[in-house]
Protein backbone atom coordinates (compact mmCIF):
# COMPACT_ATOMS: atom_id res chain seq x y z
CA UNK A 1 -35.49 11.39 8.45
CA UNK A 2 -37.93 13.19 5.97
CA UNK A 3 -36.41 15.50 3.41
CA UNK A 4 -36.57 19.16 4.38
CA UNK A 5 -39.25 20.91 2.29
CA UNK A 6 -38.39 23.46 -0.46
CA UNK A 7 -40.53 26.39 0.71
CA UNK A 8 -39.58 28.45 -2.23
CA UNK A 9 -40.82 25.74 -4.61
CA UNK A 10 -44.05 25.35 -2.75
CA UNK A 11 -44.64 29.15 -3.17
CA UNK A 12 -43.86 28.77 -6.98
CA UNK A 13 -46.12 25.86 -7.46
CA UNK A 14 -48.91 27.74 -5.87
CA UNK A 15 -48.42 30.57 -8.27
CA UNK A 16 -47.27 32.83 -5.43
CA UNK A 17 -44.19 35.10 -5.11
CA UNK A 18 -41.09 33.27 -3.60
CA UNK A 19 -39.10 36.06 -1.92
CA UNK A 20 -35.31 35.73 -1.56
CA UNK A 21 -33.06 37.34 1.10
CA UNK A 22 -29.60 37.93 -0.45
CA UNK A 23 -26.68 37.10 1.61
CA UNK A 24 -23.40 38.77 0.62
CA UNK A 25 -21.65 39.71 3.77
CA UNK A 26 -23.35 38.03 6.72
CA UNK A 27 -21.59 34.64 7.77
CA UNK A 28 -23.77 33.74 10.81
CA UNK A 29 -26.22 30.75 11.05
CA UNK A 30 -28.61 33.05 12.44
CA UNK A 31 -29.15 34.63 8.93
CA UNK A 32 -31.97 32.10 8.13
CA UNK A 33 -33.87 32.90 11.17
CA UNK A 34 -33.55 36.73 10.53
CA UNK A 35 -34.89 36.05 6.95
CA UNK A 36 -37.71 33.85 8.09
CA UNK A 37 -38.55 36.40 10.80
CA UNK A 38 -38.94 38.96 8.00
CA UNK A 39 -41.21 36.97 6.08
CA UNK A 40 -38.72 35.75 3.37
CA UNK A 41 -39.12 32.30 1.72
CA UNK A 42 -35.55 31.59 0.69
CA UNK A 43 -31.86 32.59 1.15
CA UNK A 44 -29.88 33.64 -1.84
CA UNK A 45 -26.41 32.79 -0.52
CA UNK A 46 -24.26 34.45 -3.21
CA UNK A 47 -20.93 32.73 -3.87
CA UNK A 48 -20.61 34.66 -7.10
CA UNK A 49 -20.29 38.22 -5.65
CA UNK A 50 -20.08 37.47 -1.88
CA UNK A 51 -16.46 36.65 -0.66
CA UNK A 52 -17.49 33.39 1.16
CA UNK A 53 -16.17 29.87 1.14
CA UNK A 54 -18.12 26.69 0.70
CA UNK A 55 -17.78 26.08 4.43
CA UNK A 56 -19.36 29.56 5.11
CA UNK A 57 -22.21 28.81 2.66
CA UNK A 58 -22.98 25.36 3.94
CA UNK A 59 -22.95 26.45 7.55
CA UNK A 60 -25.77 28.92 6.89
CA UNK A 61 -27.64 26.32 4.55
CA UNK A 62 -27.61 23.58 7.28
CA UNK A 63 -28.90 26.00 9.89
CA UNK A 64 -31.54 27.28 7.56
CA UNK A 65 -33.05 23.86 7.03
CA UNK A 66 -34.83 24.02 10.28
CA UNK A 67 -35.42 27.74 10.43
CA UNK A 68 -38.42 28.14 8.09
CA UNK A 69 -36.42 29.46 5.09
CA UNK A 70 -35.02 27.54 2.26
CA UNK A 71 -31.38 27.86 1.35
CA UNK A 72 -30.36 28.22 -2.18
CA UNK A 73 -26.87 29.08 -3.45
CA UNK A 74 -25.46 31.11 -6.39
CA UNK A 75 -22.24 29.67 -7.76
CA UNK A 76 -19.89 31.01 -10.32
CA UNK A 77 -20.59 29.58 -13.86
CA UNK A 78 -17.30 27.98 -13.97
CA UNK A 79 -17.44 26.51 -10.32
CA UNK A 80 -20.05 23.84 -10.69
CA UNK A 81 -18.14 21.72 -8.26
CA UNK A 82 -18.96 24.29 -5.44
CA UNK A 83 -22.63 23.79 -6.31
CA UNK A 84 -22.56 20.02 -5.91
CA UNK A 85 -20.71 20.45 -2.52
CA UNK A 86 -23.36 22.87 -1.29
CA UNK A 87 -26.16 20.54 -2.42
CA UNK A 88 -24.51 17.85 -0.46
CA UNK A 89 -24.40 19.94 2.71
CA UNK A 90 -27.67 21.62 3.11
CA UNK A 91 -28.55 23.76 -0.12
CA UNK A 92 -32.03 23.04 -1.64
CA UNK A 93 -31.26 24.83 -4.74
CA UNK A 94 -28.68 26.22 -7.17
CA UNK A 95 -28.63 29.42 -9.18
CA UNK A 96 -26.01 29.49 -12.11
CA UNK A 97 -25.31 32.97 -13.69
CA UNK A 98 -24.55 33.81 -17.28
CA UNK A 99 -26.19 30.90 -18.95
CA UNK A 100 -26.47 31.93 -22.67
CA UNK A 101 -27.42 28.57 -24.50
CA UNK A 102 -29.47 25.53 -24.00
CA UNK A 103 -26.26 23.41 -24.16
CA UNK A 104 -24.96 25.32 -21.17
CA UNK A 105 -28.27 24.87 -19.42
CA UNK A 106 -28.03 21.20 -20.04
CA UNK A 107 -24.58 21.15 -18.45
CA UNK A 108 -26.06 22.68 -15.49
CA UNK A 109 -28.73 20.08 -15.15
CA UNK A 110 -26.25 17.24 -15.60
CA UNK A 111 -24.24 18.51 -12.71
CA UNK A 112 -27.14 19.07 -10.23
CA UNK A 113 -29.59 16.30 -10.94
CA UNK A 114 -29.14 12.54 -10.09
CA UNK A 115 -29.37 9.91 -12.89
CA UNK A 116 -31.36 9.35 -14.98
CA UNK A 117 -31.83 13.27 -15.39
CA UNK A 118 -28.33 14.16 -14.73
CA UNK A 119 -25.11 12.63 -13.60
CA UNK A 120 -24.61 14.06 -9.96
CA UNK A 121 -22.51 11.87 -7.80
CA UNK A 122 -24.01 10.43 -4.63
CA UNK A 123 -21.75 11.30 -1.63
CA UNK A 124 -23.95 9.48 0.98
CA UNK A 125 -27.00 10.63 2.83
CA UNK A 126 -27.04 14.48 2.58
CA UNK A 127 -27.79 17.06 5.21
CA UNK A 128 -31.32 17.61 3.84
CA UNK A 129 -32.22 14.26 5.34
CA UNK A 130 -30.34 14.73 8.54
CA UNK A 131 -27.67 12.36 7.01
CA UNK A 132 -30.09 9.45 7.41
CA UNK A 133 -31.42 7.68 4.16
CA UNK A 134 -32.67 4.10 4.06
CA UNK A 135 -33.45 4.04 0.37
CA UNK A 136 -30.87 5.71 -1.81
CA UNK A 137 -32.73 5.30 -5.01
CA UNK A 138 -35.93 6.81 -3.46
CA UNK A 139 -33.84 9.65 -1.98
CA UNK A 140 -32.27 10.59 -5.25
CA UNK A 141 -35.76 10.64 -7.06
CA UNK A 142 -37.14 12.87 -4.19
CA UNK A 143 -34.07 15.16 -4.36
CA UNK A 144 -34.34 15.48 -8.21
CA UNK A 145 -38.03 16.61 -7.73
CA UNK A 146 -37.34 19.04 -4.82
CA UNK A 147 -34.04 20.77 -5.41
CA UNK A 148 -34.56 23.82 -7.44
CA UNK A 149 -32.23 24.56 -10.36
CA UNK A 150 -32.23 28.20 -11.73
CA UNK A 151 -30.28 29.54 -14.58
CA UNK A 152 -29.68 33.28 -15.11
CA UNK A 153 -30.47 35.17 -18.30
CA UNK A 154 -28.04 38.11 -18.41
CA UNK A 155 -27.21 38.85 -22.19
CA UNK A 156 -28.99 39.50 -25.40
CA UNK A 157 -27.86 36.13 -26.53
CA UNK A 158 -29.47 34.53 -23.60
CA UNK A 159 -32.72 36.27 -24.18
CA UNK A 160 -32.70 35.19 -27.81
CA UNK A 161 -32.15 31.65 -26.65
CA UNK A 162 -34.69 31.77 -23.87
CA UNK A 163 -37.15 29.45 -25.48
CA UNK A 164 -34.48 26.80 -26.06
CA UNK A 165 -33.27 27.20 -22.47
CA UNK A 166 -36.65 26.99 -21.05
CA UNK A 167 -37.15 23.74 -22.95
CA UNK A 168 -34.27 21.93 -21.17
CA UNK A 169 -35.66 19.25 -18.89
CA UNK A 170 -34.36 19.70 -15.37
CA UNK A 171 -34.24 23.44 -15.36
CA UNK A 172 -36.92 24.94 -13.07
CA UNK A 173 -36.47 28.69 -13.40
CA UNK A 174 -35.04 31.40 -15.64
CA UNK A 175 -33.89 34.34 -13.61
CA UNK A 176 -33.23 37.65 -15.40
CA UNK A 177 -30.18 39.34 -14.02
CA UNK A 178 -31.35 42.76 -14.82
CA UNK A 179 -28.18 44.57 -13.79
CA UNK A 180 -25.95 42.52 -16.12
CA UNK A 181 -28.52 42.40 -18.84
CA UNK A 182 -28.64 46.17 -19.16
CA UNK A 183 -24.91 46.43 -18.97
CA UNK A 184 -24.49 43.91 -21.92
CA UNK A 185 -27.07 45.89 -23.80
CA UNK A 186 -25.17 49.15 -23.35
CA UNK A 187 -27.83 50.70 -21.18
CA UNK A 188 -26.40 49.96 -17.70
CA UNK A 189 -28.91 50.52 -14.92
CA UNK A 190 -31.82 51.41 -17.14
CA UNK A 191 -34.07 48.65 -15.82
CA UNK A 192 -37.33 50.07 -17.26
CA UNK A 193 -35.80 50.61 -20.81
CA UNK A 194 -38.07 49.39 -23.62
CA UNK A 195 -35.40 46.85 -24.76
CA UNK A 196 -35.27 45.43 -21.26
CA UNK A 197 -39.17 45.36 -20.94
CA UNK A 198 -39.06 43.39 -24.29
CA UNK A 199 -36.58 40.90 -22.90
CA UNK A 200 -38.75 40.29 -19.86
CA UNK A 201 -41.78 39.69 -22.08
CA UNK A 202 -39.70 37.17 -24.34
CA UNK A 203 -38.49 35.30 -21.22
CA UNK A 204 -41.92 35.39 -19.70
CA UNK A 205 -43.40 33.77 -22.82
CA UNK A 206 -40.69 31.10 -22.98
CA UNK A 207 -41.28 30.32 -19.26
CA UNK A 208 -44.99 30.03 -19.77
CA UNK A 209 -44.53 27.81 -22.86
CA UNK A 210 -42.43 25.27 -21.00
CA UNK A 211 -43.81 25.37 -17.54
CA UNK A 212 -40.85 27.14 -15.96
CA UNK A 213 -40.82 29.88 -13.27
CA UNK A 214 -39.48 33.25 -14.19
CA UNK A 215 -37.07 34.86 -11.77
CA UNK A 216 -36.14 38.61 -11.34
CA UNK A 217 -33.03 39.96 -9.86
CA UNK A 218 -31.63 43.54 -9.80
CA UNK A 219 -35.05 45.31 -9.91
CA UNK A 220 -35.96 47.03 -6.60
CA UNK A 221 -37.80 50.02 -8.11
CA UNK A 222 -41.47 49.80 -6.93
CA UNK A 223 -42.90 50.75 -10.32
CA UNK A 224 -40.82 48.57 -12.63
CA UNK A 225 -40.86 45.65 -10.13
CA UNK A 226 -44.60 45.70 -10.36
CA UNK A 227 -44.63 45.63 -14.08
CA UNK A 228 -42.30 42.65 -14.24
CA UNK A 229 -44.22 40.66 -11.63
CA UNK A 230 -47.27 41.45 -13.74
CA UNK A 231 -45.44 39.71 -16.72
CA UNK A 232 -44.99 36.46 -14.48
CA UNK A 233 -41.87 37.05 -12.40
CA UNK A 234 -42.42 34.91 -9.27
CA UNK A 235 -38.75 33.74 -8.03
CA UNK A 236 -37.62 36.99 -6.81
CA UNK A 237 -34.46 38.25 -5.30
CA UNK A 238 -35.76 40.95 -3.02
CA UNK A 239 -32.48 42.60 -1.94
CA UNK A 240 -29.28 41.81 -0.15
CA UNK A 241 -28.09 41.94 3.47
CA UNK A 242 -26.00 45.12 3.21
CA UNK A 243 -28.67 46.92 1.36
CA UNK A 244 -31.38 45.95 4.14
CA UNK A 245 -28.84 47.10 6.90
CA UNK A 246 -27.95 50.38 5.35
CA UNK A 247 -31.62 51.25 4.57
CA UNK A 248 -32.65 50.43 8.19
CA UNK A 249 -29.65 51.91 9.74
CA UNK A 250 -30.01 55.16 7.57
CA UNK A 251 -33.60 55.42 8.62
CA UNK A 252 -32.92 54.97 12.31
CA UNK A 253 -30.03 57.49 12.42
CA UNK A 254 -32.24 60.01 10.46
CA UNK A 255 -35.09 59.56 13.02
CA UNK A 256 -32.79 59.96 16.10
CA UNK A 257 -31.00 63.02 14.79
CA UNK A 258 -34.40 64.45 14.10
CA UNK A 259 -35.18 64.18 17.79
CA UNK A 260 -32.26 66.52 18.85
CA UNK A 261 -33.68 69.72 20.49
């Protein structure tokens, strides 16, 4: 069976926006269909802040492989083993938060790439091939090329090391976690602050210099988001399930109450 395509990677390779649908609270295999129906490119299955198990995450990932949206999982920095299990069971990418140095980025690559790039273990034909592989070596090469590995930049230290992190082979994307970055700078929530803008410019330059894709999380303001996309952000966390539901639910109740005579 052919490898499922990484639709987020295709968008990025074309220089287009790859829009992610955040999954914190939903636990249904229909979430990929919902995201695809709304025009999103990838699922951001959040095991860092969402209270879900590997089983929950991989059920959604497996379903998404045939729903027209690419499943990508964020794991906790100290739970690399959960990422490898997700990759064996449907995920087409991994996001690791709080990566501050090139050495930490290299550790991420070692965990999630097969040899010779990394040291990921082969657990048999993975879900992305429908559990059917005739040539293991070829499959590992193809997965190394298709799986998207993203590290998150969330502290001033990480920003200072952005060029070295971007230079690590096997890292595809550096995503700025803007909420945590502003908190670590002592300016929590000030996503348009000059220091945050300077951080985006520095990470953008590092990504451009090393051919990596800049990501953006935590920026939903229409003015500031436009500015950071203008700097080169393309791998975008567009929002999360609860925020989407609350916005749509709030708008509908406001509309209906407005109809009361």
